[in-house]
Amino acid sequence: DLGISDSCLRGWLKQANIDEGRRDDGLSTAERDELVKLRRELRVAKMEIEILKRASAYFAAENVLPK
C-alpha cells in the first residue's frame, strides 16, 4: 500500500535485527556511523599531512642560501 518494495523492506528488517542484537552478520547503525566518521577524519588527516609536507618543502627551498 505504501509503495515500498519487498527488497527495501527486507533490508530495513535486517538492519533493525542487527541493531537490536538478533543478528550478528553485519554492522549496526551506530558502528556504520562511527566507521563513516573515522574514515572522514582519516581523509582529512591525510590531506593535512600532504599540505604540511608541501609547505615544509616550499619553505625549505626558500631558506636555501645562494652560493
N, C-alpha and C. Protein backbone atom coordinates (compact mmCIF):
# COMPACT_ATOMS: atom_id res chain seq x y z
N ASP A 1 0.82 -1.20 0.00
CA ASP A 1 0.00 0.00 0.00
C ASP A 1 0.86 1.27 0.00
N LEU A 2 2.01 1.19 0.63
CA LEU A 2 2.85 2.38 0.75
C LEU A 2 3.80 2.58 -0.43
N GLY A 3 3.88 1.60 -1.31
CA GLY A 3 4.75 1.71 -2.46
C GLY A 3 6.20 1.38 -2.15
N ILE A 4 6.43 0.65 -1.08
CA ILE A 4 7.79 0.26 -0.69
C ILE A 4 8.04 -1.14 -1.23
N SER A 5 9.17 -1.32 -1.88
CA SER A 5 9.47 -2.63 -2.47
C SER A 5 9.78 -3.66 -1.38
N ASP A 6 9.58 -4.92 -1.73
CA ASP A 6 9.86 -6.00 -0.78
C ASP A 6 11.33 -6.03 -0.37
N SER A 7 12.23 -5.80 -1.33
CA SER A 7 13.66 -5.85 -1.02
C SER A 7 14.05 -4.71 -0.06
N CYS A 8 13.43 -3.57 -0.22
CA CYS A 8 13.70 -2.44 0.67
C CYS A 8 13.23 -2.76 2.08
N LEU A 9 12.05 -3.33 2.18
CA LEU A 9 11.51 -3.70 3.48
C LEU A 9 12.37 -4.76 4.16
N ARG A 10 12.85 -5.75 3.37
CA ARG A 10 13.74 -6.79 3.92
C ARG A 10 15.03 -6.17 4.45
N GLY A 11 15.57 -5.20 3.71
CA GLY A 11 16.78 -4.52 4.17
C GLY A 11 16.58 -3.81 5.48
N TRP A 12 15.45 -3.13 5.61
CA TRP A 12 15.14 -2.42 6.85
C TRP A 12 14.99 -3.41 8.01
N LEU A 13 14.31 -4.51 7.76
CA LEU A 13 14.12 -5.51 8.81
C LEU A 13 15.47 -6.12 9.23
N LYS A 14 16.31 -6.40 8.24
CA LYS A 14 17.63 -6.98 8.55
C LYS A 14 18.43 -6.00 9.41
N GLN A 15 18.43 -4.72 9.02
CA GLN A 15 19.18 -3.72 9.78
C GLN A 15 18.62 -3.56 11.18
N ALA A 16 17.30 -3.60 11.32
CA ALA A 16 16.68 -3.49 12.64
C ALA A 16 17.08 -4.68 13.51
N ASN A 17 17.12 -5.87 12.94
CA ASN A 17 17.53 -7.06 13.69
C ASN A 17 19.00 -6.97 14.11
N ILE A 18 19.84 -6.44 13.27
CA ILE A 18 21.25 -6.25 13.61
C ILE A 18 21.38 -5.24 14.74
N ASP A 19 20.66 -4.12 14.61
CA ASP A 19 20.71 -3.06 15.63
C ASP A 19 20.22 -3.55 17.00
N GLU A 20 19.25 -4.44 16.98
CA GLU A 20 18.69 -4.95 18.23
C GLU A 20 19.43 -6.17 18.76
N GLY A 21 20.45 -6.62 18.04
CA GLY A 21 21.27 -7.73 18.53
C GLY A 21 20.74 -9.11 18.21
N ARG A 22 19.73 -9.19 17.36
CA ARG A 22 19.19 -10.50 17.00
C ARG A 22 19.97 -11.17 15.88
N ARG A 23 20.79 -10.39 15.18
CA ARG A 23 21.65 -10.92 14.11
C ARG A 23 23.05 -10.40 14.32
N ASP A 24 24.02 -11.20 13.91
CA ASP A 24 25.43 -10.81 14.05
C ASP A 24 26.14 -10.69 12.72
N ASP A 25 25.43 -10.69 11.62
CA ASP A 25 26.08 -10.74 10.31
C ASP A 25 26.12 -9.38 9.61
N GLY A 26 26.44 -8.35 10.35
CA GLY A 26 26.55 -7.03 9.75
C GLY A 26 26.87 -5.97 10.78
N LEU A 27 27.07 -4.75 10.29
CA LEU A 27 27.37 -3.62 11.18
C LEU A 27 26.08 -2.99 11.66
N SER A 28 26.05 -2.63 12.92
CA SER A 28 24.90 -1.90 13.44
C SER A 28 24.95 -0.48 12.88
N THR A 29 23.86 0.22 13.02
CA THR A 29 23.79 1.60 12.53
C THR A 29 24.82 2.47 13.25
N ALA A 30 24.99 2.26 14.54
CA ALA A 30 25.97 3.04 15.30
C ALA A 30 27.39 2.74 14.83
N GLU A 31 27.68 1.46 14.57
CA GLU A 31 29.01 1.08 14.08
C GLU A 31 29.26 1.66 12.69
N ARG A 32 28.25 1.63 11.85
CA ARG A 32 28.37 2.18 10.49
C ARG A 32 28.61 3.69 10.56
N ASP A 33 27.88 4.38 11.43
CA ASP A 33 28.07 5.83 11.60
C ASP A 33 29.48 6.15 12.09
N GLU A 34 29.97 5.35 13.05
CA GLU A 34 31.32 5.56 13.57
C GLU A 34 32.36 5.32 12.48
N LEU A 35 32.15 4.29 11.67
CA LEU A 35 33.08 3.99 10.58
C LEU A 35 33.13 5.13 9.58
N VAL A 36 31.98 5.68 9.23
CA VAL A 36 31.93 6.83 8.31
C VAL A 36 32.69 8.01 8.91
N LYS A 37 32.46 8.27 10.19
CA LYS A 37 33.13 9.39 10.87
C LYS A 37 34.64 9.20 10.89
N LEU A 38 35.09 8.00 11.21
CA LEU A 38 36.53 7.74 11.28
C LEU A 38 37.19 7.82 9.90
N ARG A 39 36.49 7.33 8.88
CA ARG A 39 37.04 7.43 7.52
C ARG A 39 37.16 8.88 7.09
N ARG A 40 36.17 9.70 7.46
CA ARG A 40 36.22 11.13 7.13
C ARG A 40 37.40 11.79 7.85
N GLU A 41 37.58 11.48 9.14
CA GLU A 41 38.69 12.05 9.90
C GLU A 41 40.03 11.62 9.31
N LEU A 42 40.13 10.37 8.88
CA LEU A 42 41.37 9.88 8.29
C LEU A 42 41.67 10.61 6.99
N ARG A 43 40.63 10.82 6.16
CA ARG A 43 40.81 11.53 4.89
C ARG A 43 41.30 12.95 5.14
N VAL A 44 40.71 13.63 6.13
CA VAL A 44 41.12 15.00 6.46
C VAL A 44 42.56 15.01 6.98
N ALA A 45 42.91 14.06 7.84
CA ALA A 45 44.27 14.00 8.38
C ALA A 45 45.29 13.77 7.27
N LYS A 46 44.97 12.90 6.31
CA LYS A 46 45.89 12.65 5.19
C LYS A 46 46.07 13.90 4.34
N MET A 47 44.98 14.65 4.13
CA MET A 47 45.10 15.89 3.36
C MET A 47 45.96 16.91 4.11
N GLU A 48 45.76 17.00 5.43
CA GLU A 48 46.55 17.94 6.22
C GLU A 48 48.02 17.58 6.19
N ILE A 49 48.33 16.30 6.28
CA ILE A 49 49.72 15.85 6.22
C ILE A 49 50.34 16.21 4.88
N GLU A 50 49.59 16.00 3.81
CA GLU A 50 50.11 16.33 2.47
C GLU A 50 50.36 17.83 2.34
N ILE A 51 49.46 18.64 2.86
CA ILE A 51 49.64 20.09 2.82
C ILE A 51 50.88 20.49 3.62
N LEU A 52 51.06 19.90 4.80
CA LEU A 52 52.24 20.23 5.61
C LEU A 52 53.53 19.79 4.94
N LYS A 53 53.52 18.64 4.27
CA LYS A 53 54.71 18.20 3.54
C LYS A 53 55.08 19.19 2.45
N ARG A 54 54.06 19.62 1.70
CA ARG A 54 54.33 20.57 0.61
C ARG A 54 54.80 21.91 1.15
N ALA A 55 54.19 22.35 2.25
CA ALA A 55 54.59 23.63 2.83
C ALA A 55 56.01 23.57 3.37
N SER A 56 56.37 22.47 4.02
CA SER A 56 57.73 22.36 4.55
C SER A 56 58.74 22.29 3.42
N ALA A 57 58.42 21.62 2.32
CA ALA A 57 59.33 21.58 1.17
C ALA A 57 59.47 22.97 0.56
N TYR A 58 58.38 23.71 0.48
CA TYR A 58 58.42 25.07 -0.07
C TYR A 58 59.28 25.98 0.78
N PHE A 59 59.05 25.96 2.09
CA PHE A 59 59.81 26.83 2.97
C PHE A 59 61.26 26.39 3.09
N ALA A 60 61.53 25.12 2.97
CA ALA A 60 62.92 24.65 2.99
C ALA A 60 63.65 25.16 1.75
N ALA A 61 62.98 25.18 0.62
CA ALA A 61 63.59 25.70 -0.61
C ALA A 61 63.80 27.20 -0.52
N GLU A 62 62.92 27.92 0.15
CA GLU A 62 63.04 29.37 0.30
C GLU A 62 64.24 29.75 1.17
N ASN A 63 64.60 28.92 2.13
CA ASN A 63 65.66 29.24 3.08
C ASN A 63 67.04 28.79 2.64
N VAL A 64 67.16 28.29 1.44
CA VAL A 64 68.47 27.85 0.92
C VAL A 64 69.26 29.10 0.54
N LEU A 65 70.50 29.17 1.04
CA LEU A 65 71.35 30.30 0.73
C LEU A 65 71.98 30.13 -0.66
N PRO A 66 71.99 31.19 -1.44
CA PRO A 66 72.65 31.10 -2.77
C PRO A 66 74.15 30.99 -2.61
N LYS A 67 74.78 30.30 -3.52
CA LYS A 67 76.25 30.13 -3.48
C LYS A 67 76.97 31.19 -4.27
